[in-house]
Amino acid sequence: MHNLHLHAVLTGDLIKSRQASTAAVDATLNALSDAAATFGTVWGLDLRFTRFRGDGWQVVLSNPGLLLDAALYFIARLRAGQTGIATRISIGVGPIESLGSHDLADATGPAFFISGDHLGHMGRNRMITLSGTGIGAAQVAIIDLAECIATGWTATQAEAVALHLEGDVPRHEDIAAKLGVTRQAIQSRLSGAGLPYFDTALYAMRNHDFSLPVQGPP
């Protein structure tokens, strides 16, 4: 099966965290940690969420095809949690040499280097960046468009999106019951969040063979 030797590493830092209280920063990073645990349970993965000094964090995906799912899920969980702080996410795809000892603090390998290096070079107005093995113009375009849509989510839209991404295409009725609203309200929130337009993008990223050559610059 393709992609077995490749991983996706998501490295992030909080946006404008210096203007927030310590409690707000801690709440945001706790929300990300909880999101990583839930995402891992859903997909049967150990993301090894690691918090770095200050406002940094990192996770690893042994299945790089889930990188779009993960990025959207983290953004949705923060927006839904209304902590008041968003995060930047730099995604690097490549091989790894070590997953570290207790966490990712001492992990190493190209995927980690790519993710970390590109976080430092992200534009001030960007939220997600993607680079590495098997990443070409098509994959970057998907990420760019996804970021454009996700940055416009309201808290209620993000809440519905997060629940949608937690299951294997859960029914709108089930999401509505969990949130205590009508099915029509969920349909409206997911439609307003642009989720119907993500289906093909999610499928394409999940099934992309990152080991194959790609066209165009990453």
C-alpha atoms as a PDB file:
ATOM      1  CA  MET A   1       0.000   0.000   0.000  1.00  0.00           C
ATOM      2  CA  HIS A   2       1.309   3.462  -0.844  1.00  0.00           C
ATOM      3  CA  ASN A   3       2.302   6.097   1.746  1.00  0.00           C
ATOM      4  CA  LEU A   4       3.305   3.510   4.352  1.00  0.00           C
ATOM      5  CA  HIS A   5       6.743   5.068   4.925  1.00  0.00           C
ATOM      6  CA  LEU A   6       5.531   8.663   4.780  1.00  0.00           C
ATOM      7  CA  HIS A   7       4.034  10.753   7.561  1.00  0.00           C
ATOM      8  CA  ALA A   8       2.412  14.155   7.821  1.00  0.00           C
ATOM      9  CA  VAL A   9       3.584  16.401  10.639  1.00  0.00           C
ATOM     10  CA  LEU A  10       1.432  19.342  11.706  1.00  0.00           C
ATOM     11  CA  THR A  11       3.306  22.038  13.591  1.00  0.00           C
ATOM     12  CA  GLY A  12       1.424  25.017  14.903  1.00  0.00           C
ATOM     13  CA  ASP A  13       1.572  28.131  17.004  1.00  0.00           C
ATOM     14  CA  LEU A  14      -1.199  30.307  18.337  1.00  0.00           C
ATOM     15  CA  ILE A  15      -2.074  33.573  16.620  1.00  0.00           C
ATOM     16  CA  LYS A  16      -1.644  36.731  18.701  1.00  0.00           C
ATOM     17  CA  SER A  17      -1.177  34.671  21.856  1.00  0.00           C
ATOM     18  CA  ARG A  18       0.899  37.426  23.459  1.00  0.00           C
ATOM     19  CA  GLN A  19      -2.222  39.566  23.568  1.00  0.00           C
ATOM     20  CA  ALA A  20      -4.140  36.822  25.391  1.00  0.00           C
ATOM     21  CA  SER A  21      -4.090  35.733  29.010  1.00  0.00           C
ATOM     22  CA  THR A  22      -2.194  32.672  30.174  1.00  0.00           C
ATOM     23  CA  ALA A  23      -5.516  31.028  30.989  1.00  0.00           C
ATOM     24  CA  ALA A  24      -6.776  31.582  27.442  1.00  0.00           C
ATOM     25  CA  VAL A  25      -3.585  30.163  25.933  1.00  0.00           C
ATOM     26  CA  ASP A  26      -3.778  27.114  28.188  1.00  0.00           C
ATOM     27  CA  ALA A  27      -7.452  26.610  27.319  1.00  0.00           C
ATOM     28  CA  THR A  28      -6.668  26.793  23.610  1.00  0.00           C
ATOM     29  CA  LEU A  29      -3.812  24.290  23.798  1.00  0.00           C
ATOM     30  CA  ASN A  30      -5.949  21.998  25.943  1.00  0.00           C
ATOM     31  CA  ALA A  31      -8.649  22.188  23.282  1.00  0.00           C
ATOM     32  CA  LEU A  32      -6.095  21.207  20.630  1.00  0.00           C
ATOM     33  CA  SER A  33      -4.861  18.328  22.781  1.00  0.00           C
ATOM     34  CA  ASP A  34      -8.411  17.080  23.247  1.00  0.00           C
ATOM     35  CA  ALA A  35      -9.063  17.448  19.511  1.00  0.00           C
ATOM     36  CA  ALA A  36      -5.955  15.391  18.736  1.00  0.00           C
ATOM     37  CA  ALA A  37      -7.107  12.648  21.097  1.00  0.00           C
ATOM     38  CA  THR A  38     -10.594  12.556  19.566  1.00  0.00           C
ATOM     39  CA  PHE A  39      -9.266  12.596  16.005  1.00  0.00           C
ATOM     40  CA  GLY A  40      -6.894   9.771  16.869  1.00  0.00           C
ATOM     41  CA  THR A  41      -9.701   7.703  18.343  1.00  0.00           C
ATOM     42  CA  VAL A  42     -11.867   8.202  15.263  1.00  0.00           C
ATOM     43  CA  TRP A  43      -9.129   7.158  12.841  1.00  0.00           C
ATOM     44  CA  GLY A  44      -7.273   4.668  15.026  1.00  0.00           C
ATOM     45  CA  LEU A  45      -4.087   6.753  15.223  1.00  0.00           C
ATOM     46  CA  ASP A  46      -1.764   8.039  17.933  1.00  0.00           C
ATOM     47  CA  LEU A  47      -1.117  11.681  17.058  1.00  0.00           C
ATOM     48  CA  ARG A  48       1.315  12.104  19.986  1.00  0.00           C
ATOM     49  CA  PHE A  49       0.174  15.677  20.679  1.00  0.00           C
ATOM     50  CA  THR A  50       3.086  17.637  22.073  1.00  0.00           C
ATOM     51  CA  ARG A  51       3.061  21.130  23.500  1.00  0.00           C
ATOM     52  CA  PHE A  52       6.212  23.154  23.153  1.00  0.00           C
ATOM     53  CA  ARG A  53       7.398  26.068  25.246  1.00  0.00           C
ATOM     54  CA  GLY A  54       5.034  29.006  24.946  1.00  0.00           C
ATOM     55  CA  ASP A  55       2.282  28.551  22.397  1.00  0.00           C
ATOM     56  CA  GLY A  56       3.703  25.870  20.088  1.00  0.00           C
ATOM     57  CA  TRP A  57       2.304  22.411  19.431  1.00  0.00           C
ATOM     58  CA  GLN A  58       2.808  19.443  17.120  1.00  0.00           C
ATOM     59  CA  VAL A  59       1.149  16.196  16.028  1.00  0.00           C
ATOM     60  CA  VAL A  60       2.064  13.445  13.590  1.00  0.00           C
ATOM     61  CA  LEU A  61      -0.154  11.465  11.207  1.00  0.00           C
ATOM     62  CA  SER A  62       1.041   8.034  10.138  1.00  0.00           C
ATOM     63  CA  ASN A  63      -1.507   8.361   7.313  1.00  0.00           C
ATOM     64  CA  PRO A  64      -0.654  11.578   5.429  1.00  0.00           C
ATOM     65  CA  GLY A  65      -3.883  11.316   3.461  1.00  0.00           C
ATOM     66  CA  LEU A  66      -5.718  12.599   6.543  1.00  0.00           C
ATOM     67  CA  LEU A  67      -3.839  15.881   6.676  1.00  0.00           C
ATOM     68  CA  LEU A  68      -6.759  17.933   5.340  1.00  0.00           C
ATOM     69  CA  ASP A  69      -9.216  16.240   7.712  1.00  0.00           C
ATOM     70  CA  ALA A  70      -6.920  16.983  10.636  1.00  0.00           C
ATOM     71  CA  ALA A  71      -6.236  20.605   9.737  1.00  0.00           C
ATOM     72  CA  LEU A  72      -9.928  21.376   9.258  1.00  0.00           C
ATOM     73  CA  TYR A  73     -10.825  19.537  12.448  1.00  0.00           C
ATOM     74  CA  PHE A  74      -8.343  21.476  14.582  1.00  0.00           C
ATOM     75  CA  ILE A  75      -9.529  24.782  13.143  1.00  0.00           C
ATOM     76  CA  ALA A  76     -13.172  23.825  13.658  1.00  0.00           C
ATOM     77  CA  ARG A  77     -12.639  22.738  17.254  1.00  0.00           C
ATOM     78  CA  LEU A  78     -10.932  26.010  18.169  1.00  0.00           C
ATOM     79  CA  ARG A  79     -13.560  28.123  16.435  1.00  0.00           C
ATOM     80  CA  ALA A  80     -16.348  26.133  18.087  1.00  0.00           C
ATOM     81  CA  GLY A  81     -14.698  26.350  21.501  1.00  0.00           C
ATOM     82  CA  GLN A  82     -14.625  30.149  21.256  1.00  0.00           C
ATOM     83  CA  THR A  83     -11.340  30.447  23.129  1.00  0.00           C
ATOM     84  CA  GLY A  84     -10.700  33.619  21.188  1.00  0.00           C
ATOM     85  CA  ILE A  85      -7.384  32.326  19.846  1.00  0.00           C
ATOM     86  CA  ALA A  86      -6.740  30.704  16.468  1.00  0.00           C
ATOM     87  CA  THR A  87      -3.737  28.689  15.336  1.00  0.00           C
ATOM     88  CA  ARG A  88      -1.443  28.575  12.356  1.00  0.00           C
ATOM     89  CA  ILE A  89      -0.696  25.109  10.983  1.00  0.00           C
ATOM     90  CA  SER A  90       2.317  24.106   8.910  1.00  0.00           C
ATOM     91  CA  ILE A  91       1.995  20.643   7.373  1.00  0.00           C
ATOM     92  CA  GLY A  92       5.084  18.765   6.227  1.00  0.00           C
ATOM     93  CA  VAL A  93       4.959  15.408   4.445  1.00  0.00           C
ATOM     94  CA  GLY A  94       7.926  13.074   4.296  1.00  0.00           C
ATOM     95  CA  PRO A  95       9.729  10.187   5.967  1.00  0.00           C
ATOM     96  CA  ILE A  96      10.612  10.233   9.653  1.00  0.00           C
ATOM     97  CA  GLU A  97      13.592   8.853  11.509  1.00  0.00           C
ATOM     98  CA  SER A  98      12.184   8.776  15.036  1.00  0.00           C
ATOM     99  CA  LEU A  99       8.862   9.541  16.721  1.00  0.00           C
ATOM    100  CA  GLY A 100      10.705  10.566  19.850  1.00  0.00           C
ATOM    101  CA  SER A 101      10.724   9.009  23.294  1.00  0.00           C
ATOM    102  CA  HIS A 102       7.858  10.196  25.485  1.00  0.00           C
ATOM    103  CA  ASP A 103       6.495  12.688  22.957  1.00  0.00           C
ATOM    104  CA  LEU A 104       7.552  14.523  19.791  1.00  0.00           C
ATOM    105  CA  ALA A 105      10.000  16.843  21.553  1.00  0.00           C
ATOM    106  CA  ASP A 106      12.936  14.742  20.396  1.00  0.00           C
ATOM    107  CA  ALA A 107      11.363  13.352  17.220  1.00  0.00           C
ATOM    108  CA  THR A 108      13.330  13.802  14.021  1.00  0.00           C
ATOM    109  CA  GLY A 109      13.229  13.290  10.273  1.00  0.00           C
ATOM    110  CA  PRO A 110      12.472  15.221   7.057  1.00  0.00           C
ATOM    111  CA  ALA A 111       8.732  15.525   7.757  1.00  0.00           C
ATOM    112  CA  PHE A 112       9.484  17.304  11.038  1.00  0.00           C
ATOM    113  CA  PHE A 113      12.097  19.569   9.455  1.00  0.00           C
ATOM    114  CA  ILE A 114       9.777  20.570   6.594  1.00  0.00           C
ATOM    115  CA  SER A 115       6.859  21.296   8.909  1.00  0.00           C
ATOM    116  CA  GLY A 116       8.905  23.346  11.344  1.00  0.00           C
ATOM    117  CA  ASP A 117      10.835  25.303   8.715  1.00  0.00           C
ATOM    118  CA  HIS A 118       7.720  26.320   6.799  1.00  0.00           C
ATOM    119  CA  LEU A 119       5.955  27.477   9.954  1.00  0.00           C
ATOM    120  CA  GLY A 120       8.696  30.034  10.417  1.00  0.00           C
ATOM    121  CA  HIS A 121       8.234  31.318   6.873  1.00  0.00           C
ATOM    122  CA  MET A 122       4.447  31.556   6.826  1.00  0.00           C
ATOM    123  CA  GLY A 123       2.956  34.874   5.854  1.00  0.00           C
ATOM    124  CA  ARG A 124       1.349  36.896   8.622  1.00  0.00           C
ATOM    125  CA  ASN A 125      -2.106  36.471   7.096  1.00  0.00           C
ATOM    126  CA  ARG A 126      -1.874  32.741   6.396  1.00  0.00           C
ATOM    127  CA  MET A 127      -3.358  29.992   8.547  1.00  0.00           C
ATOM    128  CA  ILE A 128      -2.326  26.755   6.786  1.00  0.00           C
ATOM    129  CA  THR A 129       0.666  25.838   4.653  1.00  0.00           C
ATOM    130  CA  LEU A 130       1.575  22.510   3.042  1.00  0.00           C
ATOM    131  CA  SER A 131       4.831  21.210   1.586  1.00  0.00           C
ATOM    132  CA  GLY A 132       6.946  18.110   1.261  1.00  0.00           C
ATOM    133  CA  THR A 133       7.001  14.772  -0.521  1.00  0.00           C
ATOM    134  CA  GLY A 134       4.230  14.297  -3.058  1.00  0.00           C
ATOM    135  CA  ILE A 135       2.960  17.851  -2.664  1.00  0.00           C
ATOM    136  CA  GLY A 136       2.349  19.761  -5.877  1.00  0.00           C
ATOM    137  CA  ALA A 137       0.220  22.595  -7.141  1.00  0.00           C
ATOM    138  CA  ALA A 138      -3.027  20.618  -6.854  1.00  0.00           C
ATOM    139  CA  GLN A 139      -2.552  19.772  -3.174  1.00  0.00           C
ATOM    140  CA  VAL A 140      -1.485  23.313  -2.310  1.00  0.00           C
ATOM    141  CA  ALA A 141      -4.523  24.690  -4.146  1.00  0.00           C
ATOM    142  CA  ILE A 142      -6.820  22.475  -2.083  1.00  0.00           C
ATOM    143  CA  ILE A 143      -5.244  23.720   1.144  1.00  0.00           C
ATOM    144  CA  ASP A 144      -5.415  27.362   0.031  1.00  0.00           C
ATOM    145  CA  LEU A 145      -9.107  27.138  -0.830  1.00  0.00           C
ATOM    146  CA  ALA A 146      -9.878  25.205   2.339  1.00  0.00           C
ATOM    147  CA  GLU A 147      -8.197  27.905   4.414  1.00  0.00           C
ATOM    148  CA  CYS A 148     -10.160  30.629   2.632  1.00  0.00           C
ATOM    149  CA  ILE A 149     -13.454  28.923   3.464  1.00  0.00           C
ATOM    150  CA  ALA A 150     -12.590  27.815   7.006  1.00  0.00           C
ATOM    151  CA  THR A 151     -11.528  31.279   8.141  1.00  0.00           C
ATOM    152  CA  GLY A 152     -15.110  32.427   7.596  1.00  0.00           C
ATOM    153  CA  TRP A 153     -16.766  29.835   9.831  1.00  0.00           C
ATOM    154  CA  THR A 154     -18.964  31.015  12.674  1.00  0.00           C
ATOM    155  CA  ALA A 155     -18.784  29.198  16.011  1.00  0.00           C
ATOM    156  CA  THR A 156     -22.009  27.278  15.344  1.00  0.00           C
ATOM    157  CA  GLN A 157     -20.904  26.329  11.844  1.00  0.00           C
ATOM    158  CA  ALA A 158     -17.540  25.143  13.155  1.00  0.00           C
ATOM    159  CA  GLU A 159     -19.254  23.090  15.846  1.00  0.00           C
ATOM    160  CA  ALA A 160     -21.313  21.265  13.224  1.00  0.00           C
ATOM    161  CA  VAL A 161     -18.281  20.774  10.972  1.00  0.00           C
ATOM    162  CA  ALA A 162     -16.247  19.271  13.830  1.00  0.00           C
ATOM    163  CA  LEU A 163     -18.970  16.759  14.623  1.00  0.00           C
ATOM    164  CA  HIS A 164     -19.306  15.906  10.939  1.00  0.00           C
ATOM    165  CA  LEU A 165     -15.571  15.208  10.712  1.00  0.00           C
ATOM    166  CA  GLU A 166     -15.663  13.023  13.820  1.00  0.00           C
ATOM    167  CA  GLY A 167     -17.765  10.331  12.206  1.00  0.00           C
ATOM    168  CA  ASP A 168     -18.054   8.308   9.030  1.00  0.00           C
ATOM    169  CA  VAL A 169     -20.381  10.820   7.355  1.00  0.00           C
ATOM    170  CA  PRO A 170     -22.786  10.997  10.318  1.00  0.00           C
ATOM    171  CA  ARG A 171     -26.412  11.754   9.615  1.00  0.00           C
ATOM    172  CA  HIS A 172     -27.576  15.305  10.063  1.00  0.00           C
ATOM    173  CA  GLU A 173     -30.212  13.971  12.442  1.00  0.00           C
ATOM    174  CA  ASP A 174     -27.504  12.572  14.715  1.00  0.00           C
ATOM    175  CA  ILE A 175     -25.559  15.846  14.780  1.00  0.00           C
ATOM    176  CA  ALA A 176     -28.778  17.762  15.421  1.00  0.00           C
ATOM    177  CA  ALA A 177     -29.697  15.489  18.329  1.00  0.00           C
ATOM    178  CA  LYS A 178     -26.270  15.933  19.898  1.00  0.00           C
ATOM    179  CA  LEU A 179     -26.491  19.717  19.648  1.00  0.00           C
ATOM    180  CA  GLY A 180     -30.159  19.945  20.551  1.00  0.00           C
ATOM    181  CA  VAL A 181     -31.226  21.676  17.349  1.00  0.00           C
ATOM    182  CA  THR A 182     -33.257  20.723  14.298  1.00  0.00           C
ATOM    183  CA  ARG A 183     -31.976  18.799  11.291  1.00  0.00           C
ATOM    184  CA  GLN A 184     -32.724  21.841   9.169  1.00  0.00           C
ATOM    185  CA  ALA A 185     -30.495  23.958  11.401  1.00  0.00           C
ATOM    186  CA  ILE A 186     -27.602  21.522  10.918  1.00  0.00           C
ATOM    187  CA  GLN A 187     -28.136  21.447   7.169  1.00  0.00           C
ATOM    188  CA  SER A 188     -28.056  25.233   7.136  1.00  0.00           C
ATOM    189  CA  ARG A 189     -24.890  25.407   9.247  1.00  0.00           C
ATOM    190  CA  LEU A 190     -23.002  22.815   7.196  1.00  0.00           C
ATOM    191  CA  SER A 191     -24.093  24.395   3.939  1.00  0.00           C
ATOM    192  CA  GLY A 192     -23.088  27.836   5.192  1.00  0.00           C
ATOM    193  CA  ALA A 193     -19.705  26.417   6.207  1.00  0.00           C
ATOM    194  CA  GLY A 194     -19.187  25.175   2.654  1.00  0.00           C
ATOM    195  CA  LEU A 195     -18.886  21.569   3.783  1.00  0.00           C
ATOM    196  CA  PRO A 196     -20.564  20.082   0.680  1.00  0.00           C
ATOM    197  CA  TYR A 197     -17.695  21.531  -1.356  1.00  0.00           C
ATOM    198  CA  PHE A 198     -15.098  19.816   0.840  1.00  0.00           C
ATOM    199  CA  ASP A 199     -16.244  16.265   0.128  1.00  0.00           C
ATOM    200  CA  THR A 200     -14.317  15.857  -3.119  1.00  0.00           C
ATOM    201  CA  ALA A 201     -11.249  17.608  -1.699  1.00  0.00           C
ATOM    202  CA  LEU A 202     -11.217  15.338   1.360  1.00  0.00           C
ATOM    203  CA  TYR A 203     -11.598  12.264  -0.828  1.00  0.00           C
ATOM    204  CA  ALA A 204      -8.820  13.408  -3.152  1.00  0.00           C
ATOM    205  CA  MET A 205      -6.389  14.073  -0.302  1.00  0.00           C
ATOM    206  CA  ARG A 206      -7.215  10.817   1.502  1.00  0.00           C
ATOM    207  CA  ASN A 207      -6.529   8.817  -1.644  1.00  0.00           C
ATOM    208  CA  HIS A 208      -3.552  10.773  -2.975  1.00  0.00           C
ATOM    209  CA  ASP A 209      -0.386   8.724  -3.494  1.00  0.00           C
ATOM    210  CA  PHE A 210       2.265  10.940  -1.926  1.00  0.00           C
ATOM    211  CA  SER A 211       5.031   8.666  -3.187  1.00  0.00           C
ATOM    212  CA  LEU A 212       4.382   9.597  -6.834  1.00  0.00           C
ATOM    213  CA  PRO A 213       5.961  12.570  -8.652  1.00  0.00           C
ATOM    214  CA  VAL A 214       3.751  15.642  -8.785  1.00  0.00           C
ATOM    215  CA  GLN A 215       3.313  18.485 -11.232  1.00  0.00           C
ATOM    216  CA  GLY A 216       4.064  22.066 -10.421  1.00  0.00           C
ATOM    217  CA  PRO A 217       5.996  23.609  -7.534  1.00  0.00           C
ATOM    218  CA  PRO A 218       4.825  22.925  -3.954  1.00  0.00           C
END
